[in-house]
Amino acid sequence: LETDVVPITADKSADVQAIDDEYANIGIREPKVCITTSRDPSNRLKQFAKEIKLCIPNSQAINRGTYRTDELVDACRKADFTDMVFLNETRG
């Protein structure tokens, strides 16, 4: 088995921008995670969201209500969330 390792040159690293690097803030800023569900979650999904909130450090569960996804993303950006988790279920 033969493997070729190609080093990253300065030219290729210039193509990567800070906006594309999701790991740029590791060790600098603590991640803040938003956890939300579908618009009309069942009791089981609500309970699952609470359990996920306990599993993920520095997370906050937000009731989606009647917000559209893009409105929720904008609200999370303003609240300085770093990540979002959408929980959905298929009934039936």
N, C-alpha and C. Protein backbone atom coordinates (compact mmCIF):
# COMPACT_ATOMS: atom_id res chain seq x y z
N LEU A 1 0.86 -1.18 0.00
CA LEU A 1 0.00 0.00 0.00
C LEU A 1 0.89 1.23 0.00
N GLU A 2 0.66 2.10 -0.91
CA GLU A 2 1.48 3.28 -1.04
C GLU A 2 0.60 4.52 -0.85
N THR A 3 1.06 5.42 -0.03
CA THR A 3 0.31 6.66 0.18
C THR A 3 1.17 7.85 -0.18
N ASP A 4 0.57 8.81 -0.81
CA ASP A 4 1.26 10.03 -1.17
C ASP A 4 0.75 11.16 -0.28
N VAL A 5 1.65 11.82 0.37
CA VAL A 5 1.30 12.95 1.22
C VAL A 5 1.72 14.22 0.50
N VAL A 6 0.77 15.07 0.27
CA VAL A 6 1.06 16.33 -0.42
C VAL A 6 0.96 17.45 0.61
N PRO A 7 2.05 18.14 0.89
CA PRO A 7 1.99 19.23 1.86
C PRO A 7 1.19 20.42 1.33
N ILE A 8 0.54 21.12 2.24
CA ILE A 8 -0.21 22.31 1.87
C ILE A 8 0.77 23.45 1.71
N THR A 9 0.75 24.04 0.56
CA THR A 9 1.64 25.16 0.32
C THR A 9 0.97 26.46 0.72
N ALA A 10 1.72 27.50 0.75
CA ALA A 10 1.19 28.81 1.13
C ALA A 10 0.12 29.27 0.14
N ASP A 11 0.23 28.85 -1.11
CA ASP A 11 -0.75 29.27 -2.11
C ASP A 11 -2.13 28.69 -1.83
N LYS A 12 -2.18 27.42 -1.41
CA LYS A 12 -3.47 26.80 -1.14
C LYS A 12 -4.08 27.30 0.17
N SER A 13 -3.26 27.60 1.14
CA SER A 13 -3.80 28.08 2.41
C SER A 13 -4.36 29.48 2.28
N ALA A 14 -3.94 30.24 1.27
CA ALA A 14 -4.46 31.57 1.07
C ALA A 14 -5.90 31.53 0.57
N ASP A 15 -6.30 30.40 -0.02
CA ASP A 15 -7.66 30.27 -0.52
C ASP A 15 -8.68 30.10 0.60
N VAL A 16 -8.25 29.60 1.74
CA VAL A 16 -9.14 29.37 2.87
C VAL A 16 -9.32 30.68 3.63
N GLN A 17 -10.57 31.09 3.75
CA GLN A 17 -10.87 32.33 4.47
C GLN A 17 -11.35 32.00 5.87
N ALA A 18 -11.29 32.98 6.74
CA ALA A 18 -11.73 32.78 8.12
C ALA A 18 -13.20 32.42 8.19
N ILE A 19 -14.00 32.91 7.25
CA ILE A 19 -15.43 32.60 7.26
C ILE A 19 -15.68 31.12 6.97
N ASP A 20 -14.75 30.47 6.25
CA ASP A 20 -14.89 29.06 5.93
C ASP A 20 -14.34 28.15 7.01
N ASP A 21 -13.58 28.68 7.94
CA ASP A 21 -12.92 27.87 8.96
C ASP A 21 -13.77 27.84 10.22
N GLU A 22 -14.53 26.76 10.39
CA GLU A 22 -15.40 26.66 11.56
C GLU A 22 -14.63 26.39 12.85
N TYR A 23 -13.37 26.01 12.73
CA TYR A 23 -12.55 25.73 13.90
C TYR A 23 -11.62 26.88 14.24
N ALA A 24 -11.80 28.04 13.65
CA ALA A 24 -10.90 29.17 13.86
C ALA A 24 -10.95 29.68 15.30
N ASN A 25 -12.08 29.52 15.99
CA ASN A 25 -12.23 30.07 17.34
C ASN A 25 -12.04 29.04 18.45
N ILE A 26 -11.49 27.88 18.13
CA ILE A 26 -11.29 26.86 19.17
C ILE A 26 -10.27 27.38 20.18
N GLY A 27 -10.63 27.31 21.43
CA GLY A 27 -9.75 27.77 22.49
C GLY A 27 -9.84 29.26 22.74
N ILE A 28 -10.45 29.99 21.83
CA ILE A 28 -10.59 31.44 21.99
C ILE A 28 -11.95 31.77 22.58
N ARG A 29 -12.98 31.13 22.04
CA ARG A 29 -14.35 31.42 22.46
C ARG A 29 -15.10 30.11 22.70
N GLU A 30 -15.83 30.06 23.79
CA GLU A 30 -16.62 28.88 24.14
C GLU A 30 -17.82 28.78 23.19
N PRO A 31 -18.09 27.59 22.61
CA PRO A 31 -19.24 27.48 21.71
C PRO A 31 -20.55 27.66 22.47
N LYS A 32 -21.51 28.28 21.83
CA LYS A 32 -22.84 28.49 22.38
C LYS A 32 -23.82 27.86 21.40
N VAL A 33 -24.55 26.83 21.86
CA VAL A 33 -25.37 26.00 20.98
C VAL A 33 -26.85 26.27 21.22
N CYS A 34 -27.58 26.47 20.14
CA CYS A 34 -29.03 26.64 20.19
C CYS A 34 -29.68 25.33 19.78
N ILE A 35 -30.60 24.84 20.60
CA ILE A 35 -31.33 23.61 20.30
C ILE A 35 -32.79 23.98 20.12
N THR A 36 -33.37 23.60 18.99
CA THR A 36 -34.78 23.89 18.74
C THR A 36 -35.45 22.70 18.08
N THR A 37 -36.76 22.71 18.07
CA THR A 37 -37.54 21.58 17.54
C THR A 37 -38.36 22.05 16.34
N SER A 38 -39.20 21.16 15.85
CA SER A 38 -40.13 21.51 14.79
C SER A 38 -41.22 22.42 15.37
N ARG A 39 -42.11 22.90 14.53
CA ARG A 39 -43.12 23.87 14.98
C ARG A 39 -44.10 23.29 15.99
N ASP A 40 -44.52 22.08 15.79
CA ASP A 40 -45.50 21.46 16.69
C ASP A 40 -44.92 20.16 17.24
N PRO A 41 -43.97 20.24 18.18
CA PRO A 41 -43.31 19.03 18.66
C PRO A 41 -44.22 18.21 19.58
N SER A 42 -44.02 16.92 19.53
CA SER A 42 -44.74 16.03 20.45
C SER A 42 -44.08 16.12 21.82
N ASN A 43 -44.73 15.55 22.80
CA ASN A 43 -44.16 15.54 24.16
C ASN A 43 -42.85 14.77 24.21
N ARG A 44 -42.75 13.71 23.42
CA ARG A 44 -41.51 12.92 23.39
C ARG A 44 -40.35 13.73 22.80
N LEU A 45 -40.63 14.53 21.76
CA LEU A 45 -39.58 15.34 21.16
C LEU A 45 -39.17 16.47 22.11
N LYS A 46 -40.12 17.04 22.83
CA LYS A 46 -39.78 18.07 23.82
C LYS A 46 -38.87 17.49 24.90
N GLN A 47 -39.20 16.29 25.37
CA GLN A 47 -38.37 15.63 26.38
C GLN A 47 -36.99 15.31 25.82
N PHE A 48 -36.93 14.87 24.57
CA PHE A 48 -35.65 14.58 23.93
C PHE A 48 -34.80 15.84 23.81
N ALA A 49 -35.43 16.95 23.48
CA ALA A 49 -34.70 18.23 23.38
C ALA A 49 -34.12 18.62 24.74
N LYS A 50 -34.85 18.38 25.81
CA LYS A 50 -34.34 18.67 27.16
C LYS A 50 -33.13 17.79 27.48
N GLU A 51 -33.19 16.52 27.09
CA GLU A 51 -32.08 15.62 27.35
C GLU A 51 -30.85 15.99 26.53
N ILE A 52 -31.05 16.39 25.29
CA ILE A 52 -29.94 16.83 24.44
C ILE A 52 -29.31 18.08 25.03
N LYS A 53 -30.13 18.97 25.56
CA LYS A 53 -29.63 20.19 26.19
C LYS A 53 -28.71 19.86 27.36
N LEU A 54 -29.02 18.82 28.09
CA LEU A 54 -28.19 18.41 29.22
C LEU A 54 -26.88 17.76 28.74
N CYS A 55 -26.91 17.15 27.56
CA CYS A 55 -25.73 16.46 27.04
C CYS A 55 -24.72 17.41 26.40
N ILE A 56 -25.20 18.51 25.84
CA ILE A 56 -24.33 19.45 25.13
C ILE A 56 -24.03 20.61 26.07
N PRO A 57 -22.77 20.81 26.42
CA PRO A 57 -22.43 21.90 27.33
C PRO A 57 -22.67 23.26 26.68
N ASN A 58 -23.05 24.22 27.49
CA ASN A 58 -23.29 25.60 27.08
C ASN A 58 -24.34 25.68 25.96
N SER A 59 -25.42 24.91 26.12
CA SER A 59 -26.49 24.92 25.12
C SER A 59 -27.75 25.51 25.74
N GLN A 60 -28.63 25.96 24.87
CA GLN A 60 -29.87 26.57 25.31
C GLN A 60 -30.98 26.09 24.39
N ALA A 61 -32.07 25.61 24.97
CA ALA A 61 -33.21 25.16 24.19
C ALA A 61 -34.13 26.35 23.95
N ILE A 62 -34.54 26.53 22.70
CA ILE A 62 -35.40 27.64 22.34
C ILE A 62 -36.67 27.09 21.71
N ASN A 63 -37.81 27.60 22.16
CA ASN A 63 -39.09 27.21 21.60
C ASN A 63 -39.24 27.89 20.24
N ARG A 64 -39.41 27.12 19.20
CA ARG A 64 -39.47 27.69 17.85
C ARG A 64 -40.75 28.45 17.62
N GLY A 65 -41.87 27.97 18.11
CA GLY A 65 -43.14 28.65 17.91
C GLY A 65 -43.49 28.76 16.44
N THR A 66 -43.83 29.97 16.00
CA THR A 66 -44.21 30.17 14.61
C THR A 66 -43.10 30.78 13.77
N TYR A 67 -41.87 30.82 14.32
CA TYR A 67 -40.75 31.38 13.58
C TYR A 67 -40.40 30.50 12.38
N ARG A 68 -40.09 31.15 11.26
CA ARG A 68 -39.53 30.44 10.12
C ARG A 68 -38.06 30.16 10.42
N THR A 69 -37.48 29.24 9.67
CA THR A 69 -36.09 28.86 9.91
C THR A 69 -35.14 30.03 9.73
N ASP A 70 -35.33 30.82 8.68
CA ASP A 70 -34.43 31.95 8.45
C ASP A 70 -34.55 33.01 9.55
N GLU A 71 -35.76 33.21 10.09
CA GLU A 71 -35.94 34.15 11.20
C GLU A 71 -35.23 33.64 12.46
N LEU A 72 -35.29 32.34 12.67
CA LEU A 72 -34.63 31.74 13.83
C LEU A 72 -33.11 31.83 13.70
N VAL A 73 -32.60 31.64 12.51
CA VAL A 73 -31.16 31.76 12.27
C VAL A 73 -30.71 33.20 12.54
N ASP A 74 -31.47 34.17 12.06
CA ASP A 74 -31.12 35.57 12.31
C ASP A 74 -31.14 35.90 13.79
N ALA A 75 -32.14 35.40 14.52
CA ALA A 75 -32.22 35.64 15.96
C ALA A 75 -31.03 35.01 16.69
N CYS A 76 -30.61 33.83 16.25
CA CYS A 76 -29.48 33.17 16.88
C CYS A 76 -28.17 33.89 16.58
N ARG A 77 -28.05 34.44 15.39
CA ARG A 77 -26.85 35.23 15.07
C ARG A 77 -26.77 36.46 15.97
N LYS A 78 -27.91 37.12 16.18
CA LYS A 78 -27.93 38.31 17.03
C LYS A 78 -27.63 37.96 18.48
N ALA A 79 -28.03 36.76 18.91
CA ALA A 79 -27.78 36.31 20.28
C ALA A 79 -26.42 35.66 20.43
N ASP A 80 -25.60 35.68 19.38
CA ASP A 80 -24.22 35.21 19.41
C ASP A 80 -24.09 33.70 19.62
N PHE A 81 -25.03 32.92 19.05
CA PHE A 81 -24.90 31.47 19.06
C PHE A 81 -23.87 31.06 18.01
N THR A 82 -23.09 30.04 18.32
CA THR A 82 -22.11 29.56 17.36
C THR A 82 -22.64 28.40 16.54
N ASP A 83 -23.57 27.61 17.10
CA ASP A 83 -24.10 26.42 16.42
C ASP A 83 -25.60 26.31 16.67
N MET A 84 -26.26 25.60 15.76
CA MET A 84 -27.69 25.34 15.91
C MET A 84 -27.96 23.85 15.68
N VAL A 85 -28.86 23.30 16.49
CA VAL A 85 -29.29 21.91 16.34
C VAL A 85 -30.80 21.93 16.15
N PHE A 86 -31.27 21.43 15.01
CA PHE A 86 -32.70 21.33 14.74
C PHE A 86 -33.13 19.90 14.96
N LEU A 87 -34.08 19.69 15.86
CA LEU A 87 -34.62 18.36 16.13
C LEU A 87 -35.97 18.23 15.45
N ASN A 88 -36.13 17.17 14.68
CA ASN A 88 -37.35 16.96 13.92
C ASN A 88 -37.76 15.51 14.09
N GLU A 89 -39.05 15.24 13.89
CA GLU A 89 -39.54 13.88 14.00
C GLU A 89 -40.48 13.60 12.84
N THR A 90 -40.60 12.34 12.52
CA THR A 90 -41.54 11.89 11.50
C THR A 90 -42.61 11.08 12.20
N ARG A 91 -43.83 11.55 12.09
CA ARG A 91 -44.93 10.85 12.75
C ARG A 91 -45.61 9.93 11.74
N GLY A 92 -45.99 8.77 12.24
CA GLY A 92 -46.77 7.90 11.40
C GLY A 92 -46.09 6.76 10.80
